[in-house]
C-alpha atoms as a PDB file:
ATOM      1  CA  MET A   1      -2.617  23.954  -5.264  1.00  0.00           C
ATOM      2  CA  SER A   2      -2.847  21.371  -2.483  1.00  0.00           C
ATOM      3  CA  LYS A   3      -2.360  17.679  -3.059  1.00  0.00           C
ATOM      4  CA  THR A   4      -5.261  15.422  -3.863  1.00  0.00           C
ATOM      5  CA  LYS A   5      -5.562  12.698  -1.231  1.00  0.00           C
ATOM      6  CA  LEU A   6      -6.905   9.207  -1.972  1.00  0.00           C
ATOM      7  CA  THR A   7      -7.735   7.000   1.007  1.00  0.00           C
ATOM      8  CA  ILE A   8      -8.302   3.281   0.395  1.00  0.00           C
ATOM      9  CA  ASN A   9     -10.972   2.415   2.956  1.00  0.00           C
ATOM     10  CA  SER A  10     -11.050  -1.070   4.429  1.00  0.00           C
ATOM     11  CA  ASN A  11     -14.151  -2.901   3.182  1.00  0.00           C
ATOM     12  CA  GLY A  12     -15.219   0.131   1.172  1.00  0.00           C
ATOM     13  CA  SER A  13     -14.599   2.884  -1.318  1.00  0.00           C
ATOM     14  CA  VAL A  14     -11.663   5.018  -2.349  1.00  0.00           C
ATOM     15  CA  ARG A  15     -12.206   8.406  -0.696  1.00  0.00           C
ATOM     16  CA  VAL A  16     -10.986  11.293  -2.880  1.00  0.00           C
ATOM     17  CA  GLU A  17     -10.335  14.682  -1.255  1.00  0.00           C
ATOM     18  CA  GLY A  18      -8.925  17.929  -2.569  1.00  0.00           C
ATOM     19  CA  ASP A  19      -8.779  19.668  -5.914  1.00  0.00           C
ATOM     20  CA  PHE A  20      -9.568  17.121  -8.634  1.00  0.00           C
ATOM     21  CA  GLU A  21     -11.673  16.345 -11.659  1.00  0.00           C
ATOM     22  CA  ILE A  22     -12.885  12.961 -12.823  1.00  0.00           C
ATOM     23  CA  VAL A  23     -13.197  12.080 -16.505  1.00  0.00           C
ATOM     24  CA  ASP A  24     -14.564   9.043 -18.332  1.00  0.00           C
ATOM     25  CA  SER A  25     -12.609   6.976 -20.862  1.00  0.00           C
ATOM     26  CA  GLN A  26     -13.452   9.467 -23.632  1.00  0.00           C
ATOM     27  CA  GLY A  27     -12.243  12.435 -21.586  1.00  0.00           C
ATOM     28  CA  ASN A  28     -15.712  13.751 -20.703  1.00  0.00           C
ATOM     29  CA  VAL A  29     -15.778  15.462 -17.301  1.00  0.00           C
ATOM     30  CA  TYR A  30     -18.214  14.286 -14.606  1.00  0.00           C
ATOM     31  CA  GLY A  31     -20.217  17.180 -13.126  1.00  0.00           C
ATOM     32  CA  LEU A  32     -19.257  17.002  -9.462  1.00  0.00           C
ATOM     33  CA  GLN A  33     -21.295  20.091  -8.460  1.00  0.00           C
ATOM     34  CA  GLY A  34     -18.449  21.563  -6.415  1.00  0.00           C
ATOM     35  CA  ARG A  35     -17.715  18.470  -4.328  1.00  0.00           C
ATOM     36  CA  GLU A  36     -14.230  18.339  -2.827  1.00  0.00           C
ATOM     37  CA  VAL A  37     -14.749  14.926  -1.176  1.00  0.00           C
ATOM     38  CA  LEU A  38     -16.397  11.807  -2.603  1.00  0.00           C
ATOM     39  CA  GLY A  39     -16.123   8.023  -2.721  1.00  0.00           C
ATOM     40  CA  ILE A  40     -15.212   5.924  -5.746  1.00  0.00           C
ATOM     41  CA  CYS A  41     -16.677   2.395  -5.877  1.00  0.00           C
ATOM     42  CA  ARG A  42     -14.212  -0.507  -5.539  1.00  0.00           C
ATOM     43  CA  CYS A  43     -16.664  -3.397  -5.201  1.00  0.00           C
ATOM     44  CA  GLY A  44     -18.568  -3.006  -8.488  1.00  0.00           C
ATOM     45  CA  GLN A  45     -21.977  -3.173  -6.760  1.00  0.00           C
ATOM     46  CA  SER A  46     -22.856   0.540  -6.796  1.00  0.00           C
ATOM     47  CA  ALA A  47     -25.856   1.593  -8.844  1.00  0.00           C
ATOM     48  CA  ASN A  48     -24.127   4.963  -9.232  1.00  0.00           C
ATOM     49  CA  LYS A  49     -20.739   3.821 -10.648  1.00  0.00           C
ATOM     50  CA  PRO A  50     -18.064   5.068 -10.607  1.00  0.00           C
ATOM     51  CA  PHE A  51     -19.266   6.633  -7.345  1.00  0.00           C
ATOM     52  CA  CYS A  52     -19.878   4.697  -4.143  1.00  0.00           C
ATOM     53  CA  ASP A  53     -23.480   4.411  -2.926  1.00  0.00           C
ATOM     54  CA  GLY A  54     -22.785   2.097   0.030  1.00  0.00           C
ATOM     55  CA  ALA A  55     -24.001  -1.071  -1.756  1.00  0.00           C
ATOM     56  CA  HIS A  56     -20.815  -2.869  -0.654  1.00  0.00           C
ATOM     57  CA  ARG A  57     -21.895  -3.059   2.991  1.00  0.00           C
ATOM     58  CA  ASN A  58     -21.527  -6.648   4.229  1.00  0.00           C
ATOM     59  CA  HIS A  59     -20.602  -7.851   0.707  1.00  0.00           C
ATOM     60  CA  PHE A  60     -17.041  -6.613   0.179  1.00  0.00           C
ATOM     61  CA  GLU A  61     -13.982  -7.441   2.229  1.00  0.00           C
ATOM     62  CA  HIS A  62     -10.564  -5.925   1.821  1.00  0.00           C
ATOM     63  CA  ASP A  63      -8.386  -4.917   4.750  1.00  0.00           C
ATOM     64  CA  ALA A  64      -6.540  -1.924   3.304  1.00  0.00           C
ATOM     65  CA  LYS A  65      -2.939  -1.819   4.540  1.00  0.00           C
ATOM     66  CA  ALA A  66      -0.288   0.389   2.934  1.00  0.00           C
ATOM     67  CA  PHE A  67       2.827  -1.213   1.446  1.00  0.00           C
ATOM     68  CA  ASP A  68       5.734  -0.229  -0.797  1.00  0.00           C
ATOM     69  CA  LEU A  69       5.595  -1.160  -4.472  1.00  0.00           C
ATOM     70  CA  PRO A  70       8.719  -2.715  -6.002  1.00  0.00           C
ATOM     71  CA  PRO A  71      11.000  -0.338  -7.932  1.00  0.00           C
ATOM     72  CA  MET A  72       9.822   0.606 -11.412  1.00  0.00           C
ATOM     73  CA  LYS A  73      11.324  -1.419 -14.254  1.00  0.00           C
ATOM     74  CA  SER A  74      13.449   0.516 -16.705  1.00  0.00           C
ATOM     75  CA  ARG A  75      12.122   0.720 -20.209  1.00  0.00           C
END
């Protein structure tokens, strides 16, 4: 199985590519109809949440730049 790739788009959605499933908080699976690429809303303005519908255009700014997280804390 190949890796699932998430791309954090500047001023936009999270693009999900690969072999994945998406479930709600109760564990119910969204019917993705065979899609292997889609966008997840980050701005909260989509009428089709959790999926992106482009409603963020000109209303959401975030310049996505990768960085390293600090080391995990031991439990």
